[in-house]
Protein backbone atom coordinates (compact mmCIF):
# COMPACT_ATOMS: atom_id res chain seq x y z
CA MET A 1 97.00 86.99 156.72
CA ALA A 2 98.40 90.18 157.67
CA LYS A 3 100.24 90.42 160.91
CA GLN A 4 98.67 92.28 164.08
CA ILE A 5 100.56 95.13 165.78
CA SER A 6 100.98 94.08 169.34
CA PRO A 7 99.80 96.13 172.40
CA ASP A 8 103.19 97.04 173.16
CA LEU A 9 104.19 97.97 169.79
CA ARG A 10 101.13 100.01 168.86
CA GLU A 11 101.58 101.68 172.48
CA ASN A 12 105.13 102.51 171.34
CA ILE A 13 104.37 103.99 168.30
CA PHE A 14 101.66 106.44 169.94
CA ARG A 15 104.02 107.60 172.45
CA GLY A 16 106.56 108.13 170.00
CA LEU A 17 103.88 110.41 167.80
CA PHE A 18 102.89 112.10 171.32
CA ASP A 19 106.41 112.77 172.26
CA ASN A 20 107.81 114.29 168.98
CA MET A 21 104.53 116.30 167.61
CA LEU A 22 105.44 119.81 167.06
CA ASP A 23 102.15 120.94 168.93
CA THR A 24 101.25 120.90 172.33
CA PHE A 25 98.91 118.25 173.62
CA SER A 26 97.49 118.09 177.22
CA LEU A 27 95.26 115.54 178.65
CA ARG A 28 92.74 116.81 181.86
CA LYS A 29 90.38 115.39 183.78
CA VAL A 30 87.84 117.40 184.70
CA ILE A 31 86.57 118.15 188.30
CA VAL A 32 82.79 118.55 189.21
CA GLY A 33 81.38 120.49 192.05
CA GLU A 34 78.11 119.45 193.86
CA SER A 35 76.07 120.54 191.18
CA GLY A 36 77.72 118.80 188.77
CA GLU A 37 79.40 122.01 186.85
CA PRO A 38 82.87 122.12 186.09
CA VAL A 39 84.95 123.33 189.21
CA ASP A 40 88.64 122.42 188.34
CA LEU A 41 90.96 120.01 185.50
CA GLU A 42 93.59 118.11 186.28
CA TYR A 43 96.65 117.02 184.02
CA VAL A 44 96.87 113.19 183.29
CA ASP A 45 99.70 113.80 180.61
CA VAL A 46 101.53 116.64 178.79
CA ASN A 47 103.78 116.24 175.95
CA PRO A 48 107.32 117.62 175.23
CA ALA A 49 106.01 120.82 173.11
CA PHE A 50 103.40 121.41 176.38
CA GLU A 51 106.62 121.55 177.98
CA LYS A 52 108.70 123.86 176.22
CA LEU A 53 105.84 126.31 175.17
CA TRP A 54 104.82 126.57 178.70
CA GLY A 55 108.54 126.58 180.49
CA LEU A 56 107.08 123.23 182.61
CA LYS A 57 108.31 119.90 183.30
CA ALA A 58 105.78 117.47 183.15
CA ALA A 59 106.37 116.01 186.14
CA ASP A 60 105.70 119.50 187.73
CA VAL A 61 102.03 119.24 186.03
CA ILE A 62 100.78 115.41 185.99
CA GLY A 63 98.32 115.17 188.62
CA ARG A 64 98.02 118.66 189.64
CA ARG A 65 94.93 120.85 189.47
CA ILE A 66 95.09 123.59 186.76
CA THR A 67 94.32 126.53 189.15
CA GLU A 68 97.88 124.79 191.01
CA VAL A 69 99.90 125.30 187.81
CA PHE A 70 98.46 128.58 186.38
CA SER A 71 97.95 130.65 189.73
CA GLY A 72 95.50 133.33 188.77
CA ILE A 73 93.92 131.16 185.79
CA GLU A 74 90.54 131.70 187.37
CA ASN A 75 90.72 135.62 186.28
CA ASP A 76 91.86 134.81 182.46
CA ASP A 77 89.74 136.47 180.08
CA VAL A 78 88.62 133.45 178.80
CA ASP A 79 87.11 130.81 181.54
CA TRP A 80 89.17 127.89 180.68
CA ILE A 81 87.69 125.48 183.15
CA ARG A 82 84.25 125.88 182.51
CA VAL A 83 85.11 125.83 178.53
CA LEU A 84 87.12 123.11 178.44
CA GLY A 85 85.22 121.12 181.59
CA GLU A 86 82.20 120.87 179.00
CA VAL A 87 83.69 119.48 176.30
CA ALA A 88 84.81 116.79 178.82
CA LEU A 89 81.28 116.23 180.17
CA THR A 90 79.44 117.21 177.07
CA GLY A 91 81.39 115.41 174.54
CA ARG A 92 81.14 118.54 172.17
CA PRO A 93 84.65 119.45 170.32
CA LEU A 94 85.58 123.30 169.93
CA THR A 95 88.17 125.48 168.37
CA MET A 96 89.70 128.88 169.43
CA GLU A 97 92.03 131.00 168.89
CA GLN A 98 94.22 132.31 171.95
CA HIS A 99 96.81 135.18 172.14
CA TYR A 100 99.84 134.42 174.08
CA GLN A 101 103.06 136.42 174.83
CA GLY A 102 102.92 137.68 171.35
CA THR A 103 101.88 134.22 169.85
CA ILE A 104 98.50 133.04 168.66
CA LEU A 105 97.28 129.98 169.46
CA GLN A 106 95.04 127.87 167.73
CA ILE A 107 93.41 125.45 170.38
CA SER A 108 91.48 122.51 169.60
CA ALA A 109 89.96 120.26 172.46
CA TYR A 110 88.10 116.98 171.87
CA CYS A 111 86.18 114.33 174.33
CA PRO A 112 88.58 111.02 174.09
CA GLU A 113 86.16 109.46 176.69
CA PRO A 114 83.81 110.97 179.31
CA GLY A 115 85.22 113.35 181.61
CA LEU A 116 88.53 113.70 180.18
CA VAL A 117 89.18 116.34 177.73
CA ALA A 118 92.22 116.37 175.10
CA ALA A 119 93.75 119.90 173.99
CA ILE A 120 96.03 120.45 171.05
CA ALA A 121 97.41 123.86 170.75
CA TYR A 122 98.78 124.90 167.26
CA ASP A 123 100.95 127.83 166.35
CA ILE A 124 99.51 129.83 163.56
CA THR A 125 101.03 133.14 164.48
CA ALA A 126 102.63 132.98 160.93
CA ASN A 127 99.40 132.21 159.27
CA LYS A 128 97.53 135.06 160.55
CA ARG A 129 100.61 137.48 159.99
CA TYR A 130 100.42 136.48 156.34
CA GLU A 131 96.53 136.78 156.57
CA SER A 132 97.00 140.28 157.93
CA LEU A 133 99.32 141.29 155.15
CA MET A 134 97.48 139.84 152.24
CA ALA A 135 94.48 141.58 153.68
CA SER A 136 96.09 144.69 153.99
CA MET A 137 98.49 144.81 150.89
CA PRO A 138 97.76 147.03 148.52
CA ASP A 139 98.59 144.64 145.55
CA GLY A 140 96.77 142.22 144.43
CA PHE A 141 98.02 138.50 145.33
CA ALA A 142 96.86 134.77 144.11
CA TYR A 143 98.50 131.35 145.03
CA CYS A 144 97.54 129.27 142.05
CA LYS A 145 98.45 125.58 141.06
CA MET A 146 99.54 124.31 137.58
CA ILE A 147 97.48 121.55 135.35
CA TYR A 148 99.76 119.77 133.19
CA GLU A 149 98.35 117.12 130.64
CA ASN A 150 100.75 114.94 129.17
CA GLY A 151 103.78 117.13 130.49
CA GLU A 152 102.44 120.57 128.89
CA PRO A 153 100.96 123.63 130.92
CA GLN A 154 97.15 123.39 130.03
CA ASP A 155 95.31 125.54 133.09
CA PHE A 156 95.86 126.41 136.60
CA VAL A 157 93.43 126.52 139.57
CA TYR A 158 93.42 129.58 142.04
CA LEU A 159 94.07 128.25 145.84
CA ALA A 160 94.19 131.52 147.55
CA VAL A 161 93.69 135.31 146.43
CA ASN A 162 93.63 138.67 148.77
CA ASP A 163 90.67 141.09 148.96
CA ALA A 164 92.85 143.43 145.86
CA PHE A 165 92.47 140.56 143.83
CA ALA A 166 89.02 141.41 143.38
CA LYS A 167 89.41 145.02 143.22
CA LEU A 168 91.90 145.79 140.95
CA THR A 169 90.77 142.80 138.11
CA GLY A 170 86.73 142.81 138.82
CA LEU A 171 86.83 138.85 139.42
CA LYS A 172 85.09 137.36 142.00
CA GLU A 173 84.59 134.22 143.85
CA VAL A 174 88.21 132.83 141.53
CA VAL A 175 88.94 130.35 144.52
CA GLY A 176 88.64 126.83 143.53
CA LYS A 177 88.00 127.42 139.96
CA ARG A 178 90.62 127.16 136.85
CA VAL A 179 91.82 130.31 135.26
CA THR A 180 89.97 129.34 131.80
CA GLU A 181 87.05 129.48 133.84
CA VAL A 182 87.58 132.85 135.19
CA LEU A 183 88.69 133.98 131.61
CA PRO A 184 87.28 131.68 128.83
CA LYS A 185 89.63 133.39 126.31
CA ILE A 186 92.85 133.42 128.06
CA LYS A 187 94.67 131.00 126.00
CA GLU A 188 94.09 132.96 122.70
CA THR A 189 94.76 136.52 124.05
CA ASN A 190 97.48 135.64 126.49
CA PRO A 191 98.96 132.56 125.59
CA GLU A 192 102.42 133.81 127.36
CA LEU A 193 100.41 133.37 130.73
CA LEU A 194 100.15 129.50 131.26
CA GLN A 195 104.08 129.27 129.64
CA ILE A 196 105.37 132.15 132.46
CA CYS A 197 103.72 130.67 135.22
CA SER A 198 104.76 127.25 134.23
CA ARG A 199 108.32 127.84 133.79
CA VAL A 200 108.75 129.47 137.03
CA ALA A 201 106.91 126.83 138.83
CA ARG A 202 109.14 124.19 137.26
CA THR A 203 112.37 126.06 137.37
CA GLY A 204 112.20 128.25 140.77
CA ARG A 205 113.53 131.46 139.20
CA PRO A 206 110.97 134.24 139.23
CA GLU A 207 109.80 136.38 136.55
CA ARG A 208 108.36 139.81 136.22
CA PHE A 209 105.88 140.86 132.97
CA GLU A 210 103.85 142.82 132.17
CA ASP A 211 100.62 142.20 129.76
CA TYR A 212 97.80 143.66 128.42
CA PHE A 213 94.40 141.19 129.44
CA GLU A 214 91.85 142.14 127.23
CA GLN A 215 88.92 140.48 128.98
CA LEU A 216 89.73 142.99 131.86
CA ARG A 217 90.38 145.69 129.76
CA ALA A 218 93.38 146.23 131.88
CA TRP A 219 97.26 146.07 131.52
CA LEU A 220 98.57 144.30 134.94
CA SER A 221 102.27 144.39 136.24
CA ILE A 222 103.29 140.73 137.42
CA SER A 223 105.79 139.02 139.69
CA VAL A 224 105.49 135.15 139.63
CA SER A 225 107.26 133.48 142.06
CA SER A 226 107.53 129.42 142.79
CA GLN A 227 106.14 127.56 145.86
CA GLY A 228 107.29 124.33 144.98
CA ASP A 229 105.55 121.10 143.59
CA GLY A 230 103.65 122.85 141.18
CA HIS A 231 102.65 125.61 143.01
CA PHE A 232 103.50 129.84 142.29
CA MET A 233 102.13 132.73 143.53
CA ALA A 234 101.70 135.79 141.85
CA ILE A 235 101.61 139.77 143.12
CA PHE A 236 100.11 142.18 140.49
CA ASP A 237 99.07 145.75 140.09
CA ASN A 238 96.92 147.21 138.01
CA ILE A 239 98.86 149.57 135.73
CA THR A 240 96.61 150.29 133.24
CA GLU A 241 96.37 154.13 133.97
CA ARG A 242 100.43 154.51 134.08
CA LYS A 243 99.98 152.81 130.55
CA GLN A 244 97.22 155.16 128.87
CA MET A 245 99.56 157.97 130.62
CA GLU A 246 102.27 156.51 128.90
CA GLU A 247 100.64 156.27 125.54
CA THR A 248 99.40 160.04 125.85
CA LEU A 249 102.95 160.93 126.57
CA ILE A 250 104.36 159.01 123.24
CA GLU A 251 101.01 160.59 120.93
CA ARG A 252 101.92 164.34 122.36
CA GLU A 253 105.72 163.52 121.57
CA LEU A 254 105.22 162.12 118.29
CA ARG A 255 103.32 164.99 117.39
CA TYR A 256 105.84 167.50 118.56
CA ARG A 257 108.17 165.88 116.96
CA MET A 258 106.23 165.95 113.46
CA LEU A 259 105.56 169.65 114.16
CA PHE A 260 109.93 170.25 115.04
CA GLU A 261 110.62 168.39 112.34
CA ASN A 262 108.19 169.99 109.61
CA VAL A 263 108.11 173.69 110.18
CA ASN A 264 110.35 175.95 107.68
CA ASP A 265 112.15 177.66 110.26
CA ALA A 266 115.45 176.41 112.07
CA ILE A 267 114.34 175.38 115.90
CA ILE A 268 116.92 175.29 118.96
CA LEU A 269 115.99 174.39 122.46
CA LEU A 270 118.79 175.00 125.27
CA GLY A 271 119.18 175.02 128.86
CA ILE A 272 120.48 176.94 131.42
CA ASP A 273 123.79 176.18 133.39
CA ARG A 274 124.68 176.06 136.95
CA ASP A 275 125.69 179.62 136.67
CA GLY A 276 122.18 181.00 135.20
CA HIS A 277 123.97 181.32 131.93
CA PRO A 278 122.71 179.37 128.51
CA GLY A 279 123.87 175.59 128.35
CA LYS A 280 123.95 173.47 125.62
CA PHE A 281 121.71 172.78 123.03
CA VAL A 282 119.06 170.23 124.11
CA ASP A 283 116.70 169.67 121.21
CA VAL A 284 117.48 170.74 117.52
CA ASN A 285 115.53 169.87 114.06
CA ASP A 286 116.56 168.93 111.19
CA ILE A 287 116.44 172.71 109.50
CA ALA A 288 118.81 173.93 112.27
CA CYS A 289 120.99 171.01 111.35
CA ARG A 290 121.22 171.88 107.91
CA ARG A 291 121.41 175.62 107.59
CA LEU A 292 124.21 175.66 110.19
CA GLY A 293 126.23 172.75 108.55
CA TYR A 294 126.32 170.21 111.51
CA SER A 295 125.09 166.77 112.00
CA ARG A 296 122.37 166.51 115.51
CA ASP A 297 124.42 165.13 117.19
CA GLU A 298 127.26 167.61 116.94
CA LEU A 299 124.64 170.56 117.41
CA LEU A 300 123.72 168.94 120.37
CA GLY A 301 127.24 169.39 122.00
CA LEU A 302 127.18 172.64 121.39
CA SER A 303 125.90 175.86 122.99
CA VAL A 304 125.06 179.65 121.55
CA LYS A 305 128.65 181.17 121.82
CA ASP A 306 129.47 177.96 119.46
CA ILE A 307 127.53 179.48 116.64
CA SER A 308 126.93 183.37 117.25
CA ALA A 309 129.21 185.71 115.80
CA GLN A 310 128.77 187.99 118.18
CA SER A 311 130.85 189.28 121.55
CA GLU A 312 129.80 188.12 124.67
CA ASN A 313 128.83 190.99 125.95
CA ILE A 314 125.99 191.52 123.13
CA ARG A 315 125.09 187.99 124.40
CA SER A 316 124.74 188.86 127.63
CA GLY A 317 122.92 192.44 127.27
CA TYR A 318 120.29 189.45 124.86
CA PHE A 319 120.41 187.37 127.47
CA ASN A 320 119.18 189.99 130.38
CA LYS A 321 116.43 191.14 128.15
CA ILE A 322 115.10 187.85 127.31
CA LYS A 323 114.95 186.75 131.05
CA GLU A 324 112.99 190.05 131.61
CA GLU A 325 110.69 189.79 128.95
CA LYS A 326 110.62 186.25 128.16
CA ASN A 327 109.87 186.88 124.52
CA VAL A 328 112.00 188.50 121.96
CA THR A 329 112.75 189.28 118.41
CA PHE A 330 116.18 190.52 117.51
CA GLU A 331 118.52 190.49 114.92
CA THR A 332 121.82 188.63 115.28
CA ILE A 333 124.58 186.98 112.74
CA HIS A 334 125.15 182.82 113.27
CA LYS A 335 128.24 181.69 112.08
CA ALA A 336 128.02 177.82 110.49
CA LYS A 337 130.31 175.07 110.58
CA ASP A 338 132.01 176.05 108.00
CA GLY A 339 132.56 179.63 109.00
CA THR A 340 129.91 181.07 106.99
CA LEU A 341 128.39 183.92 108.69
CA ILE A 342 124.13 183.72 108.61
CA PRO A 343 122.33 186.83 109.30
CA VAL A 344 119.37 186.37 111.17
CA GLU A 345 116.26 187.86 112.70
CA GLN A 346 115.96 185.32 115.87
CA SER A 347 112.69 185.15 118.07
CA VAL A 348 113.69 183.65 121.49
CA ARG A 349 111.07 182.46 124.51
CA TYR A 350 111.86 181.89 127.64
CA PHE A 351 109.93 179.36 129.59
CA GLU A 352 109.77 176.26 132.39
CA MET A 353 109.47 172.82 131.38
CA SER A 354 109.81 170.03 133.95
CA GLY A 355 111.15 172.61 136.51
CA LYS A 356 113.96 173.76 133.98
CA SER A 357 114.59 176.71 132.43
CA ILE A 358 114.79 176.54 129.04
CA PHE A 359 115.31 178.85 125.68
CA TYR A 360 113.23 178.20 122.45
CA LEU A 361 115.25 179.64 119.36
CA LEU A 362 113.17 180.32 116.48
CA PRO A 363 115.99 181.94 114.12
CA ALA A 364 115.01 182.85 110.26
CA THR A 365 117.17 184.11 107.30
């Protein structure tokens, strides 16, 4: 037969919990007026957390009325005497939030026996700030727990998401559901997702990756961090538009490169140096390399003066005319790597690209 706990031991256990709990606790007795309505509250007991929060000693509080301890409380935004008094008189519990000196408290009040009201105040400031941050952040957020079978990651369940989650993915009411319920083909289309999330949850090392989610028709950039005990947090952004722009730029670059390399003329692009003079070559095609006898790397380290057989004065004249007229054709002489002189009729265009001045040389022998 199990040994019964003695009343003294039980009292010591409860007193230990009472004295060491982090949340504030107070027990008050309601004082009623002639018509039976609550007119004041008298403190019966308070714990050390109450003393710390309010900067009061229990000896200075117990046995005194709330109107004595907190002078002017009748003028507070909340009618505490009526609110807490009704809990003591009716037995109906209540939960409410209260701001105090930059702290947000959640107050739970209940009636342990007729005429008494017990109140516990929880500091929920951090939670409220967290909720505000999650609600206002433009990135999607998800707090999840991994699900394992025989030690292998099989799924994860959404425990919390922010408003941006639905805006960025189009997925709604996912809390409490598994990712395989929300995205049934996720294991086939994105098998690495479970592996990455599981690895982060187990090792504690955060990871960042980008992936295309076929069922969402979207690219997501995802940062995953461990929250301990098989939990992880994912913050993500929808980068579909950026990826589409990158693909468009790649396609344009490929088309440009195909045209650039397959024309029969030598093409050279060169920039302008800090002094406003023609600088080094920024791009050349294979025809230009073959005609001048240089490799691409060699030619990209040169400038007009290195391949021109004409004087600086003549080159300066051409340069000024090009800047003024933007599109010029003239005859000149190029010098190959082996010293061979090559007479050319050269077409030059002057334009700006990405904020930089560029010369486009199209010499034809």
